C-alpha atoms as a PDB file:
ATOM      1  CA  MET A   1      35.192  -6.546 -29.230  1.00  0.00           C
ATOM      2  CA  SER A   2      34.274  -3.442 -27.593  1.00  0.00           C
ATOM      3  CA  PHE A   3      33.726  -2.633 -24.391  1.00  0.00           C
ATOM      4  CA  GLN A   4      30.382  -1.673 -22.856  1.00  0.00           C
ATOM      5  CA  ARG A   5      29.742   0.658 -19.639  1.00  0.00           C
ATOM      6  CA  PRO A   6      27.493  -0.802 -17.229  1.00  0.00           C
ATOM      7  CA  VAL A   7      23.900   0.493 -18.146  1.00  0.00           C
ATOM      8  CA  LYS A   8      22.306   1.487 -14.992  1.00  0.00           C
ATOM      9  CA  SER A   9      18.710  -0.568 -14.257  1.00  0.00           C
ATOM     10  CA  PRO A  10      15.678   0.557 -14.648  1.00  0.00           C
ATOM     11  CA  ARG A  11      14.866  -1.357 -11.084  1.00  0.00           C
ATOM     12  CA  ASP A  12      17.370   0.668  -9.300  1.00  0.00           C
ATOM     13  CA  PRO A  13      16.055   1.618  -6.310  1.00  0.00           C
ATOM     14  CA  LEU A  14      17.828   5.074  -6.111  1.00  0.00           C
ATOM     15  CA  ASN A  15      17.220   5.677  -9.766  1.00  0.00           C
ATOM     16  CA  ARG A  16      14.322   8.224 -10.097  1.00  0.00           C
ATOM     17  CA  ALA A  17      14.365   8.361 -13.684  1.00  0.00           C
ATOM     18  CA  PHE A  18      11.077   6.227 -14.059  1.00  0.00           C
ATOM     19  CA  SER A  19       8.674   7.684 -11.668  1.00  0.00           C
ATOM     20  CA  LEU A  20       4.440   7.007 -12.319  1.00  0.00           C
ATOM     21  CA  PRO A  21       1.858   9.793 -12.911  1.00  0.00           C
ATOM     22  CA  ARG A  22       0.171  11.844 -10.542  1.00  0.00           C
ATOM     23  CA  LEU A  23      -2.233  13.721 -10.592  1.00  0.00           C
ATOM     24  CA  PRO A  24      -2.371  17.116  -8.995  1.00  0.00           C
ATOM     25  CA  ARG A  25      -1.967  17.535  -5.640  1.00  0.00           C
ATOM     26  CA  GLU A  26      -5.480  18.288  -5.091  1.00  0.00           C
ATOM     27  CA  TYR A  27      -6.921  15.002  -5.938  1.00  0.00           C
ATOM     28  CA  TYR A  28      -5.111  13.327  -2.988  1.00  0.00           C
ATOM     29  CA  GLN A  29      -6.430  16.185  -0.351  1.00  0.00           C
ATOM     30  CA  GLY A  30      -9.780  16.862   1.541  1.00  0.00           C
ATOM     31  CA  ASP A  31     -12.709  13.915   1.000  1.00  0.00           C
ATOM     32  CA  ALA A  32     -10.529  11.863  -1.273  1.00  0.00           C
ATOM     33  CA  VAL A  33     -10.458   7.933  -1.463  1.00  0.00           C
ATOM     34  CA  VAL A  34      -7.193   6.390  -2.547  1.00  0.00           C
ATOM     35  CA  PHE A  35      -6.524   2.809  -2.915  1.00  0.00           C
ATOM     36  CA  TRP A  36      -2.262   2.576  -2.247  1.00  0.00           C
ATOM     37  CA  THR A  37      -0.257  -0.263  -3.354  1.00  0.00           C
ATOM     38  CA  LEU A  38       3.212  -0.419  -1.889  1.00  0.00           C
ATOM     39  CA  THR A  39       5.608  -2.513  -3.208  1.00  0.00           C
ATOM     40  CA  ILE A  40       8.725  -3.887  -2.437  1.00  0.00           C
ATOM     41  CA  PHE A  41      11.917  -3.741  -4.240  1.00  0.00           C
ATOM     42  CA  ASN A  42      12.440  -6.337  -6.281  1.00  0.00           C
ATOM     43  CA  ARG A  43       9.490  -8.114  -4.157  1.00  0.00           C
ATOM     44  CA  ALA A  44      11.208  -9.234  -1.267  1.00  0.00           C
ATOM     45  CA  GLN A  45      10.139 -11.422   1.501  1.00  0.00           C
ATOM     46  CA  GLY A  46      11.012 -11.916   4.642  1.00  0.00           C
ATOM     47  CA  TRP A  47      10.154  -8.522   6.125  1.00  0.00           C
ATOM     48  CA  LEU A  48       6.441  -9.712   6.727  1.00  0.00           C
ATOM     49  CA  THR A  49       6.598 -10.751  10.889  1.00  0.00           C
ATOM     50  CA  PRO A  50       3.770  -9.981  13.685  1.00  0.00           C
ATOM     51  CA  VAL A  51       6.636  -7.323  14.977  1.00  0.00           C
ATOM     52  CA  PHE A  52       6.394  -5.495  11.540  1.00  0.00           C
ATOM     53  CA  HIS A  53       2.533  -5.693  11.095  1.00  0.00           C
ATOM     54  CA  GLN A  54       2.333  -4.015  14.925  1.00  0.00           C
ATOM     55  CA  GLN A  55       4.841  -1.268  13.764  1.00  0.00           C
ATOM     56  CA  PHE A  56       2.766  -0.831  10.527  1.00  0.00           C
ATOM     57  CA  GLN A  57      -0.992  -0.581  12.945  1.00  0.00           C
ATOM     58  CA  LYS A  58       0.807   2.256  15.470  1.00  0.00           C
ATOM     59  CA  LEU A  59       2.243   4.171  12.018  1.00  0.00           C
ATOM     60  CA  MET A  60      -0.837   3.686  10.094  1.00  0.00           C
ATOM     61  CA  LEU A  61      -2.935   5.223  13.542  1.00  0.00           C
ATOM     62  CA  HIS A  62      -0.256   8.315  13.442  1.00  0.00           C
ATOM     63  CA  ALA A  63      -0.562   8.977  10.118  1.00  0.00           C
ATOM     64  CA  ALA A  64      -4.321   9.080  10.388  1.00  0.00           C
ATOM     65  CA  ALA A  65      -4.358  11.443  13.187  1.00  0.00           C
ATOM     66  CA  ARG A  66      -2.096  13.470  11.675  1.00  0.00           C
ATOM     67  CA  GLU A  67      -3.427  13.791   8.355  1.00  0.00           C
ATOM     68  CA  GLY A  68      -7.258  13.340   9.042  1.00  0.00           C
ATOM     69  CA  LEU A  69      -7.843   9.843   7.213  1.00  0.00           C
ATOM     70  CA  ALA A  70      -9.601   6.753   7.504  1.00  0.00           C
ATOM     71  CA  CYS A  71      -8.082   3.152   6.428  1.00  0.00           C
ATOM     72  CA  PRO A  72     -11.112   0.852   5.911  1.00  0.00           C
ATOM     73  CA  ILE A  73      -9.120  -1.666   4.684  1.00  0.00           C
ATOM     74  CA  TYR A  74      -5.382  -3.049   4.497  1.00  0.00           C
ATOM     75  CA  CYS A  75      -3.577  -6.431   3.575  1.00  0.00           C
ATOM     76  CA  LEU A  76      -0.274  -7.252   4.250  1.00  0.00           C
ATOM     77  CA  MET A  77       1.437  -9.488   1.699  1.00  0.00           C
ATOM     78  CA  PRO A  78       4.919 -11.334   1.660  1.00  0.00           C
ATOM     79  CA  ASP A  79       6.010  -8.555  -1.102  1.00  0.00           C
ATOM     80  CA  HIS A  80       3.805  -5.768  -1.365  1.00  0.00           C
ATOM     81  CA  LEU A  81       0.795  -4.248   0.922  1.00  0.00           C
ATOM     82  CA  HIS A  82      -2.866  -2.561  -0.017  1.00  0.00           C
ATOM     83  CA  LEU A  83      -4.530   0.174   2.189  1.00  0.00           C
ATOM     84  CA  VAL A  84      -7.327   2.319   0.961  1.00  0.00           C
ATOM     85  CA  TRP A  85      -7.409   5.829   2.891  1.00  0.00           C
ATOM     86  CA  MET A  86     -10.260   7.966   3.078  1.00  0.00           C
ATOM     87  CA  GLY A  87      -9.623  11.996   4.044  1.00  0.00           C
ATOM     88  CA  LEU A  88     -12.270  13.195   7.062  1.00  0.00           C
ATOM     89  CA  ARG A  89     -11.052  16.767   6.954  1.00  0.00           C
ATOM     90  CA  LEU A  90     -10.892  19.797   4.745  1.00  0.00           C
ATOM     91  CA  ASP A  91      -7.146  19.757   5.539  1.00  0.00           C
ATOM     92  CA  SER A  92      -6.808  15.758   4.942  1.00  0.00           C
ATOM     93  CA  ASP A  93      -3.537  15.285   2.456  1.00  0.00           C
ATOM     94  CA  GLN A  94      -2.361  11.767   1.593  1.00  0.00           C
ATOM     95  CA  VAL A  95       0.481  12.752  -0.076  1.00  0.00           C
ATOM     96  CA  ASN A  96       1.691  14.089   3.061  1.00  0.00           C
ATOM     97  CA  GLY A  97       0.418  10.823   5.149  1.00  0.00           C
ATOM     98  CA  MET A  98       2.299   8.599   2.333  1.00  0.00           C
ATOM     99  CA  ALA A  99       5.137  10.489   2.782  1.00  0.00           C
ATOM    100  CA  PHE A 100       5.383  10.064   6.528  1.00  0.00           C
ATOM    101  CA  LEU A 101       4.082   6.207   6.220  1.00  0.00           C
ATOM    102  CA  ARG A 102       6.789   5.457   4.016  1.00  0.00           C
ATOM    103  CA  THR A 103       9.606   7.611   5.796  1.00  0.00           C
ATOM    104  CA  HIS A 104       8.939   5.723   9.142  1.00  0.00           C
ATOM    105  CA  LEU A 105       8.124   1.857   8.053  1.00  0.00           C
ATOM    106  CA  GLU A 106      10.964   1.505   5.754  1.00  0.00           C
ATOM    107  CA  PRO A 107      13.363   1.291   8.588  1.00  0.00           C
ATOM    108  CA  GLU A 108      11.507  -1.787   9.679  1.00  0.00           C
ATOM    109  CA  LEU A 109      11.445  -3.491   6.568  1.00  0.00           C
ATOM    110  CA  SER A 110      15.036  -3.227   6.468  1.00  0.00           C
ATOM    111  CA  PRO A 111      17.075  -4.699   4.419  1.00  0.00           C
ATOM    112  CA  ALA A 112      14.102  -4.738   2.312  1.00  0.00           C
ATOM    113  CA  LYS A 113      13.439  -1.339   0.686  1.00  0.00           C
ATOM    114  CA  PHE A 114       9.963   0.146  -0.796  1.00  0.00           C
ATOM    115  CA  GLN A 115      10.019   0.809  -4.827  1.00  0.00           C
ATOM    116  CA  PRO A 116      10.364   4.267  -4.902  1.00  0.00           C
ATOM    117  CA  GLN A 117       7.305   5.246  -5.997  1.00  0.00           C
ATOM    118  CA  PRO A 118       3.742   3.809  -4.472  1.00  0.00           C
ATOM    119  CA  GLN A 119       0.830   3.258  -7.082  1.00  0.00           C
ATOM    120  CA  ASP A 120      -2.166   4.813  -6.422  1.00  0.00           C
ATOM    121  CA  GLU A 121      -5.614   4.643  -8.099  1.00  0.00           C
ATOM    122  CA  VAL A 122      -7.968   8.054  -6.806  1.00  0.00           C
ATOM    123  CA  LEU A 123     -11.633   6.800  -6.777  1.00  0.00           C
ATOM    124  CA  ARG A 124     -13.403  10.106  -8.107  1.00  0.00           C
ATOM    125  CA  ALA A 125     -16.611  10.999  -7.109  1.00  0.00           C
ATOM    126  CA  GLU A 126     -18.287   9.483 -10.262  1.00  0.00           C
ATOM    127  CA  GLN A 127     -16.618   6.101  -9.733  1.00  0.00           C
ATOM    128  CA  ARG A 128     -17.865   6.173  -5.656  1.00  0.00           C
ATOM    129  CA  LYS A 129     -21.466   6.122  -7.349  1.00  0.00           C
ATOM    130  CA  ARG A 130     -20.731   2.712  -9.048  1.00  0.00           C
ATOM    131  CA  ASN A 131     -19.783   0.637  -6.117  1.00  0.00           C
ATOM    132  CA  ALA A 132     -15.533   1.397  -7.359  1.00  0.00           C
ATOM    133  CA  PHE A 133     -15.102   1.575  -3.468  1.00  0.00           C
ATOM    134  CA  SER A 134     -16.768  -1.643  -2.491  1.00  0.00           C
ATOM    135  CA  LYS A 135     -14.965  -3.331  -5.423  1.00  0.00           C
ATOM    136  CA  VAL A 136     -11.432  -2.033  -4.150  1.00  0.00           C
ATOM    137  CA  CYS A 137     -11.838  -3.432  -0.620  1.00  0.00           C
ATOM    138  CA  HIS A 138     -13.254  -6.859  -2.195  1.00  0.00           C
ATOM    139  CA  TYR A 139      -9.804  -7.096  -4.171  1.00  0.00           C
ATOM    140  CA  ILE A 140      -7.995  -6.393  -1.064  1.00  0.00           C
ATOM    141  CA  ALA A 141      -9.744  -8.609   1.104  1.00  0.00           C
ATOM    142  CA  ALA A 142      -9.788 -11.571  -1.549  1.00  0.00           C
ATOM    143  CA  ASN A 143      -5.404 -10.912  -2.280  1.00  0.00           C
ATOM    144  CA  PRO A 144      -4.472 -13.619   0.155  1.00  0.00           C
ATOM    145  CA  VAL A 145      -6.897 -16.283  -0.997  1.00  0.00           C
ATOM    146  CA  ARG A 146      -5.969 -15.538  -4.242  1.00  0.00           C
ATOM    147  CA  ALA A 147      -1.978 -15.721  -3.483  1.00  0.00           C
ATOM    148  CA  GLU A 148      -3.066 -19.193  -1.617  1.00  0.00           C
ATOM    149  CA  LEU A 149      -1.695 -17.722   1.386  1.00  0.00           C
ATOM    150  CA  ILE A 150      -4.825 -18.561   2.980  1.00  0.00           C
ATOM    151  CA  ASP A 151      -7.852 -20.770   2.390  1.00  0.00           C
ATOM    152  CA  GLU A 152     -10.909 -19.421   1.695  1.00  0.00           C
ATOM    153  CA  LYS A 153     -13.100 -22.466   2.507  1.00  0.00           C
ATOM    154  CA  LYS A 154     -12.035 -22.608   6.144  1.00  0.00           C
ATOM    155  CA  HIS A 155     -11.987 -18.318   6.186  1.00  0.00           C
ATOM    156  CA  GLY A 156     -14.858 -17.693   4.938  1.00  0.00           C
ATOM    157  CA  ARG A 157     -15.229 -14.707   2.507  1.00  0.00           C
ATOM    158  CA  SER A 158     -13.838 -12.086   4.369  1.00  0.00           C
ATOM    159  CA  PRO A 159     -10.160 -13.118   5.541  1.00  0.00           C
ATOM    160  CA  ALA A 160      -9.711  -9.910   7.253  1.00  0.00           C
ATOM    161  CA  ALA A 161     -12.688 -10.579   9.555  1.00  0.00           C
ATOM    162  CA  SER A 162     -11.378 -13.487  11.413  1.00  0.00           C
ATOM    163  CA  PHE A 163      -7.401 -12.200  11.235  1.00  0.00           C
ATOM    164  CA  PRO A 164      -6.405 -16.071   9.957  1.00  0.00           C
ATOM    165  CA  ALA A 165      -2.901 -17.683  10.462  1.00  0.00           C
ATOM    166  CA  ILE A 166      -0.797 -17.362   6.623  1.00  0.00           C
ATOM    167  CA  ARG A 167       0.240 -20.494   5.842  1.00  0.00           C
ATOM    168  CA  ASN A 168       4.033 -21.313   5.129  1.00  0.00           C
END
């Protein structure tokens, strides 16, 4: 029988050896449209409260004002959140905005933490011509329905419009 040293888990939030590939920074600047997903480490739950939602809204507004961004849609789920940001100025920078949002939002999650890196999908100009923006927004709006957190029949096709209560 031989002793084996413990192997550092690839899901360790401090282990930065596993990072998602990123496009060059200029893809996140100017009039970029980016679909962001921030996943909670180990899919932890229990952090999504009305107080967290208020803080999220304040920090989103602050990040948007700092970096010249608009957020046409977002969705807070029990173990992750989605948002779309659109750059409004030539000097808009979504990487800076996301760093600000994550830095100031993570204390509100405590003891939960974000995974080390958010996932993103940059909607390029050619994709935007093929309704990619509309598809992403519909995907985000339907997320609570797919997860059976809300009833589509009761709240209609656009759950975001009615701000329904989430089922326990």
